[in-house]
């Protein structure tokens, strides 16, 4: 049985507010009044490394766009997510193949889970491709084959301090180049 609509709206409002405070990502909501379900949340991951195929080479991309869909059955139903930006990942389909994301990570989803936990789980999945459990698309299969032989080592992003002007990126893709 779903939450009463006012309880759901208040919970979702609080969770979105928490995400905006706790995360560095850009979050916009299709209906800021949270009145019309499903609610679509456009999320742009910022400074978040993930594998990307650029001119035939695997490199790292730091900005990623996704759409998160929250139904009126939330939190009893986990959010639905579609990947919108280019990606080379065995567990995330590129947008031209549907943008589906393997949410096996969330198989233990409970009504106590939050949108913040969901987004942090997506961050973890993004930087930790699992070639042993790829999605069925051609691109995901190719990514799985690649990451079986060449495990992805995302660069560590060191946040800037008050005296620095930009984050430092340490390590990275095999060729040492990163694409945004």
C-alpha atoms as a PDB file:
ATOM      1  CA  UNK A   1       0.000   0.000   0.000  1.00  0.00           C
ATOM      2  CA  UNK A   2       1.511   3.358  -1.028  1.00  0.00           C
ATOM      3  CA  UNK A   3       2.128   6.218   1.357  1.00  0.00           C
ATOM      4  CA  UNK A   4      -0.619   8.845   1.647  1.00  0.00           C
ATOM      5  CA  UNK A   5       0.146  11.455  -1.015  1.00  0.00           C
ATOM      6  CA  UNK A   6       0.892  14.276   1.451  1.00  0.00           C
ATOM      7  CA  UNK A   7       3.292  12.053   3.414  1.00  0.00           C
ATOM      8  CA  UNK A   8       4.985  10.993   0.160  1.00  0.00           C
ATOM      9  CA  UNK A   9       5.301  14.596  -1.043  1.00  0.00           C
ATOM     10  CA  UNK A  10       6.838  15.715   2.261  1.00  0.00           C
ATOM     11  CA  UNK A  11       9.237  12.772   2.342  1.00  0.00           C
ATOM     12  CA  UNK A  12      10.319  13.332  -1.246  1.00  0.00           C
ATOM     13  CA  UNK A  13      10.710  17.078  -0.646  1.00  0.00           C
ATOM     14  CA  UNK A  14      12.968  16.376   2.351  1.00  0.00           C
ATOM     15  CA  UNK A  15      14.992  13.757   0.459  1.00  0.00           C
ATOM     16  CA  UNK A  16      15.559  16.055  -2.526  1.00  0.00           C
ATOM     17  CA  UNK A  17      16.595  18.852  -0.160  1.00  0.00           C
ATOM     18  CA  UNK A  18      19.033  16.488   1.582  1.00  0.00           C
ATOM     19  CA  UNK A  19      20.501  15.444  -1.786  1.00  0.00           C
ATOM     20  CA  UNK A  20      21.001  19.079  -2.788  1.00  0.00           C
ATOM     21  CA  UNK A  21      22.777  19.775   0.507  1.00  0.00           C
ATOM     22  CA  UNK A  22      24.861  16.583   0.699  1.00  0.00           C
ATOM     23  CA  UNK A  23      25.873  16.089  -2.938  1.00  0.00           C
ATOM     24  CA  UNK A  24      27.844  18.279  -5.330  1.00  0.00           C
ATOM     25  CA  UNK A  25      25.629  17.189  -8.219  1.00  0.00           C
ATOM     26  CA  UNK A  26      23.115  19.300 -10.124  1.00  0.00           C
ATOM     27  CA  UNK A  27      19.533  18.260  -9.395  1.00  0.00           C
ATOM     28  CA  UNK A  28      16.385  19.607 -11.053  1.00  0.00           C
ATOM     29  CA  UNK A  29      12.850  18.353 -10.566  1.00  0.00           C
ATOM     30  CA  UNK A  30      10.164  18.249 -13.276  1.00  0.00           C
ATOM     31  CA  UNK A  31       7.421  19.334 -10.859  1.00  0.00           C
ATOM     32  CA  UNK A  32       8.736  21.342  -7.921  1.00  0.00           C
ATOM     33  CA  UNK A  33       5.356  21.101  -6.182  1.00  0.00           C
ATOM     34  CA  UNK A  34       5.695  17.285  -6.285  1.00  0.00           C
ATOM     35  CA  UNK A  35       2.012  17.063  -7.207  1.00  0.00           C
ATOM     36  CA  UNK A  36       2.032  15.050 -10.408  1.00  0.00           C
ATOM     37  CA  UNK A  37       3.509  11.569 -10.299  1.00  0.00           C
ATOM     38  CA  UNK A  38       5.668  10.193 -11.722  1.00  0.00           C
ATOM     39  CA  UNK A  39       8.191  12.858 -10.725  1.00  0.00           C
ATOM     40  CA  UNK A  40      11.211  13.160 -12.997  1.00  0.00           C
ATOM     41  CA  UNK A  41      14.509  14.236 -11.500  1.00  0.00           C
ATOM     42  CA  UNK A  42      17.269  15.310 -13.859  1.00  0.00           C
ATOM     43  CA  UNK A  43      20.583  14.604 -12.186  1.00  0.00           C
ATOM     44  CA  UNK A  44      23.979  15.661 -13.469  1.00  0.00           C
ATOM     45  CA  UNK A  45      26.842  13.899 -11.736  1.00  0.00           C
ATOM     46  CA  UNK A  46      29.697  16.381 -11.343  1.00  0.00           C
ATOM     47  CA  UNK A  47      33.349  15.453 -10.724  1.00  0.00           C
ATOM     48  CA  UNK A  48      32.371  11.793 -10.745  1.00  0.00           C
ATOM     49  CA  UNK A  49      34.692   9.533 -12.752  1.00  0.00           C
ATOM     50  CA  UNK A  50      33.205   6.930 -15.045  1.00  0.00           C
ATOM     51  CA  UNK A  51      34.448   5.015 -18.106  1.00  0.00           C
ATOM     52  CA  UNK A  52      33.903   6.544 -21.500  1.00  0.00           C
ATOM     53  CA  UNK A  53      34.888   5.483 -25.016  1.00  0.00           C
ATOM     54  CA  UNK A  54      36.529   8.355 -26.887  1.00  0.00           C
ATOM     55  CA  UNK A  55      37.928   7.862 -30.395  1.00  0.00           C
ATOM     56  CA  UNK A  56      38.357   4.131 -29.806  1.00  0.00           C
ATOM     57  CA  UNK A  57      40.092   4.483 -26.418  1.00  0.00           C
ATOM     58  CA  UNK A  58      38.657   4.018 -22.957  1.00  0.00           C
ATOM     59  CA  UNK A  59      39.134   7.136 -20.889  1.00  0.00           C
ATOM     60  CA  UNK A  60      37.345   8.857 -18.038  1.00  0.00           C
ATOM     61  CA  UNK A  61      34.416  11.226 -18.172  1.00  0.00           C
ATOM     62  CA  UNK A  62      33.592  13.331 -15.103  1.00  0.00           C
ATOM     63  CA  UNK A  63      30.105  14.631 -15.923  1.00  0.00           C
ATOM     64  CA  UNK A  64      27.168  12.261 -16.425  1.00  0.00           C
ATOM     65  CA  UNK A  65      23.459  12.915 -16.915  1.00  0.00           C
ATOM     66  CA  UNK A  66      20.668  10.636 -15.763  1.00  0.00           C
ATOM     67  CA  UNK A  67      16.923  10.819 -15.332  1.00  0.00           C
ATOM     68  CA  UNK A  68      15.477   9.387 -12.126  1.00  0.00           C
ATOM     69  CA  UNK A  69      11.766   8.632 -12.115  1.00  0.00           C
ATOM     70  CA  UNK A  70       9.887   8.462  -8.828  1.00  0.00           C
ATOM     71  CA  UNK A  71       6.456   6.839  -8.945  1.00  0.00           C
ATOM     72  CA  UNK A  72       3.599   7.260  -6.468  1.00  0.00           C
ATOM     73  CA  UNK A  73       4.616   3.849  -5.055  1.00  0.00           C
ATOM     74  CA  UNK A  74       7.903   5.280  -3.724  1.00  0.00           C
ATOM     75  CA  UNK A  75       9.494   4.317  -1.317  1.00  0.00           C
ATOM     76  CA  UNK A  76       8.006   0.831  -1.683  1.00  0.00           C
ATOM     77  CA  UNK A  77       9.181   0.824  -5.295  1.00  0.00           C
ATOM     78  CA  UNK A  78      12.771   1.832  -5.973  1.00  0.00           C
ATOM     79  CA  UNK A  79      13.368   4.730  -8.356  1.00  0.00           C
ATOM     80  CA  UNK A  80      13.668   4.058 -12.075  1.00  0.00           C
ATOM     81  CA  UNK A  81      16.801   5.425 -13.721  1.00  0.00           C
ATOM     82  CA  UNK A  82      17.756   6.105 -17.355  1.00  0.00           C
ATOM     83  CA  UNK A  83      21.292   7.041 -18.395  1.00  0.00           C
ATOM     84  CA  UNK A  84      21.376  10.001 -20.797  1.00  0.00           C
ATOM     85  CA  UNK A  85      25.050  10.791 -21.426  1.00  0.00           C
ATOM     86  CA  UNK A  86      27.729   8.784 -23.255  1.00  0.00           C
ATOM     87  CA  UNK A  87      29.110   5.870 -21.228  1.00  0.00           C
ATOM     88  CA  UNK A  88      31.208   2.721 -21.715  1.00  0.00           C
ATOM     89  CA  UNK A  89      30.128   0.413 -18.926  1.00  0.00           C
ATOM     90  CA  UNK A  90      29.012  -3.228 -18.702  1.00  0.00           C
ATOM     91  CA  UNK A  91      26.223  -2.382 -16.241  1.00  0.00           C
ATOM     92  CA  UNK A  92      24.910   0.845 -17.803  1.00  0.00           C
ATOM     93  CA  UNK A  93      23.467   0.904 -21.325  1.00  0.00           C
ATOM     94  CA  UNK A  94      24.245   3.912 -23.479  1.00  0.00           C
ATOM     95  CA  UNK A  95      21.222   6.121 -24.116  1.00  0.00           C
ATOM     96  CA  UNK A  96      20.906   4.968 -27.755  1.00  0.00           C
ATOM     97  CA  UNK A  97      20.361   1.411 -26.424  1.00  0.00           C
ATOM     98  CA  UNK A  98      17.784   2.475 -23.828  1.00  0.00           C
ATOM     99  CA  UNK A  99      19.917   3.927 -21.032  1.00  0.00           C
ATOM    100  CA  UNK A 100      18.982   1.103 -18.676  1.00  0.00           C
ATOM    101  CA  UNK A 101      21.022   0.732 -15.506  1.00  0.00           C
ATOM    102  CA  UNK A 102      21.612  -2.555 -13.716  1.00  0.00           C
ATOM    103  CA  UNK A 103      19.996  -1.945 -10.363  1.00  0.00           C
ATOM    104  CA  UNK A 104      20.936  -5.338  -8.932  1.00  0.00           C
ATOM    105  CA  UNK A 105      22.895  -3.239  -6.465  1.00  0.00           C
ATOM    106  CA  UNK A 106      19.495  -2.183  -5.139  1.00  0.00           C
ATOM    107  CA  UNK A 107      17.924  -5.653  -4.897  1.00  0.00           C
ATOM    108  CA  UNK A 108      17.791  -5.186  -1.148  1.00  0.00           C
ATOM    109  CA  UNK A 109      15.801  -1.933  -1.540  1.00  0.00           C
ATOM    110  CA  UNK A 110      13.482  -1.321   1.402  1.00  0.00           C
ATOM    111  CA  UNK A 111      11.074   1.529   2.181  1.00  0.00           C
ATOM    112  CA  UNK A 112      13.695   2.824   4.623  1.00  0.00           C
ATOM    113  CA  UNK A 113      16.132   3.474   1.753  1.00  0.00           C
ATOM    114  CA  UNK A 114      16.392   7.051   0.517  1.00  0.00           C
ATOM    115  CA  UNK A 115      17.031   8.949  -2.673  1.00  0.00           C
ATOM    116  CA  UNK A 116      20.446   9.935  -1.281  1.00  0.00           C
ATOM    117  CA  UNK A 117      21.343   6.256  -0.801  1.00  0.00           C
ATOM    118  CA  UNK A 118      20.137   5.518  -4.348  1.00  0.00           C
ATOM    119  CA  UNK A 119      22.263   8.279  -5.901  1.00  0.00           C
ATOM    120  CA  UNK A 120      25.333   7.256  -3.896  1.00  0.00           C
ATOM    121  CA  UNK A 121      24.757   3.687  -5.110  1.00  0.00           C
ATOM    122  CA  UNK A 122      24.757   4.943  -8.709  1.00  0.00           C
ATOM    123  CA  UNK A 123      28.058   6.742  -8.026  1.00  0.00           C
ATOM    124  CA  UNK A 124      29.536   3.484  -6.745  1.00  0.00           C
ATOM    125  CA  UNK A 125      28.280   1.525  -9.748  1.00  0.00           C
ATOM    126  CA  UNK A 126      29.632   4.164 -12.135  1.00  0.00           C
ATOM    127  CA  UNK A 127      33.208   3.862 -10.874  1.00  0.00           C
ATOM    128  CA  UNK A 128      33.110   0.105 -10.306  1.00  0.00           C
ATOM    129  CA  UNK A 129      32.107  -1.683 -13.526  1.00  0.00           C
ATOM    130  CA  UNK A 130      31.228  -5.330 -12.943  1.00  0.00           C
ATOM    131  CA  UNK A 131      32.197  -7.227 -16.117  1.00  0.00           C
ATOM    132  CA  UNK A 132      30.910 -10.465 -14.571  1.00  0.00           C
ATOM    133  CA  UNK A 133      27.280  -9.316 -14.773  1.00  0.00           C
ATOM    134  CA  UNK A 134      26.792  -7.173 -17.902  1.00  0.00           C
ATOM    135  CA  UNK A 135      23.478  -6.015 -19.292  1.00  0.00           C
ATOM    136  CA  UNK A 136      22.433  -7.602 -22.577  1.00  0.00           C
ATOM    137  CA  UNK A 137      23.208  -4.808 -25.029  1.00  0.00           C
ATOM    138  CA  UNK A 138      26.046  -4.978 -27.541  1.00  0.00           C
ATOM    139  CA  UNK A 139      27.840  -2.006 -25.959  1.00  0.00           C
ATOM    140  CA  UNK A 140      27.579  -3.528 -22.459  1.00  0.00           C
ATOM    141  CA  UNK A 141      28.956  -6.843 -23.721  1.00  0.00           C
ATOM    142  CA  UNK A 142      31.915  -5.058 -25.356  1.00  0.00           C
ATOM    143  CA  UNK A 143      32.544  -3.117 -22.142  1.00  0.00           C
ATOM    144  CA  UNK A 144      32.442  -6.360 -20.127  1.00  0.00           C
ATOM    145  CA  UNK A 145      35.014  -7.974 -22.428  1.00  0.00           C
ATOM    146  CA  UNK A 146      37.243  -4.918 -22.149  1.00  0.00           C
ATOM    147  CA  UNK A 147      37.026  -4.624 -18.342  1.00  0.00           C
ATOM    148  CA  UNK A 148      37.672  -8.358 -17.897  1.00  0.00           C
ATOM    149  CA  UNK A 149      41.126  -7.741 -19.388  1.00  0.00           C
ATOM    150  CA  UNK A 150      41.654  -4.150 -18.203  1.00  0.00           C
ATOM    151  CA  UNK A 151      40.056  -3.423 -14.824  1.00  0.00           C
ATOM    152  CA  UNK A 152      38.846   0.160 -14.537  1.00  0.00           C
ATOM    153  CA  UNK A 153      40.856   2.275 -12.139  1.00  0.00           C
ATOM    154  CA  UNK A 154      39.028   5.558 -11.677  1.00  0.00           C
ATOM    155  CA  UNK A 155      41.164   8.544 -10.804  1.00  0.00           C
ATOM    156  CA  UNK A 156      40.935   9.876  -7.291  1.00  0.00           C
ATOM    157  CA  UNK A 157      39.577  13.393  -7.182  1.00  0.00           C
ATOM    158  CA  UNK A 158      41.093  15.526  -4.467  1.00  0.00           C
ATOM    159  CA  UNK A 159      38.693  18.338  -3.595  1.00  0.00           C
ATOM    160  CA  UNK A 160      40.054  21.848  -3.741  1.00  0.00           C
ATOM    161  CA  UNK A 161      40.900  23.736  -0.591  1.00  0.00           C
ATOM    162  CA  UNK A 162      40.385  27.452  -0.054  1.00  0.00           C
ATOM    163  CA  UNK A 163      43.828  28.184  -1.513  1.00  0.00           C
ATOM    164  CA  UNK A 164      43.380  26.058  -4.638  1.00  0.00           C
ATOM    165  CA  UNK A 165      41.399  27.094  -7.685  1.00  0.00           C
ATOM    166  CA  UNK A 166      40.539  23.710  -9.181  1.00  0.00           C
ATOM    167  CA  UNK A 167      40.307  20.092  -8.066  1.00  0.00           C
ATOM    168  CA  UNK A 168      43.350  17.947  -8.676  1.00  0.00           C
ATOM    169  CA  UNK A 169      42.893  14.701 -10.539  1.00  0.00           C
ATOM    170  CA  UNK A 170      45.272  11.961  -9.513  1.00  0.00           C
ATOM    171  CA  UNK A 171      45.683   8.837 -11.695  1.00  0.00           C
ATOM    172  CA  UNK A 172      43.226   8.053 -14.436  1.00  0.00           C
ATOM    173  CA  UNK A 173      42.572   6.180 -17.593  1.00  0.00           C
ATOM    174  CA  UNK A 174      45.279   4.087 -19.159  1.00  0.00           C
ATOM    175  CA  UNK A 175      46.246   6.827 -21.566  1.00  0.00           C
ATOM    176  CA  UNK A 176      46.293   9.398 -18.773  1.00  0.00           C
ATOM    177  CA  UNK A 177      43.758  11.628 -20.482  1.00  0.00           C
ATOM    178  CA  UNK A 178      40.328  12.488 -19.204  1.00  0.00           C
ATOM    179  CA  UNK A 179      37.365  13.803 -21.105  1.00  0.00           C
ATOM    180  CA  UNK A 180      34.567  15.835 -19.601  1.00  0.00           C
END
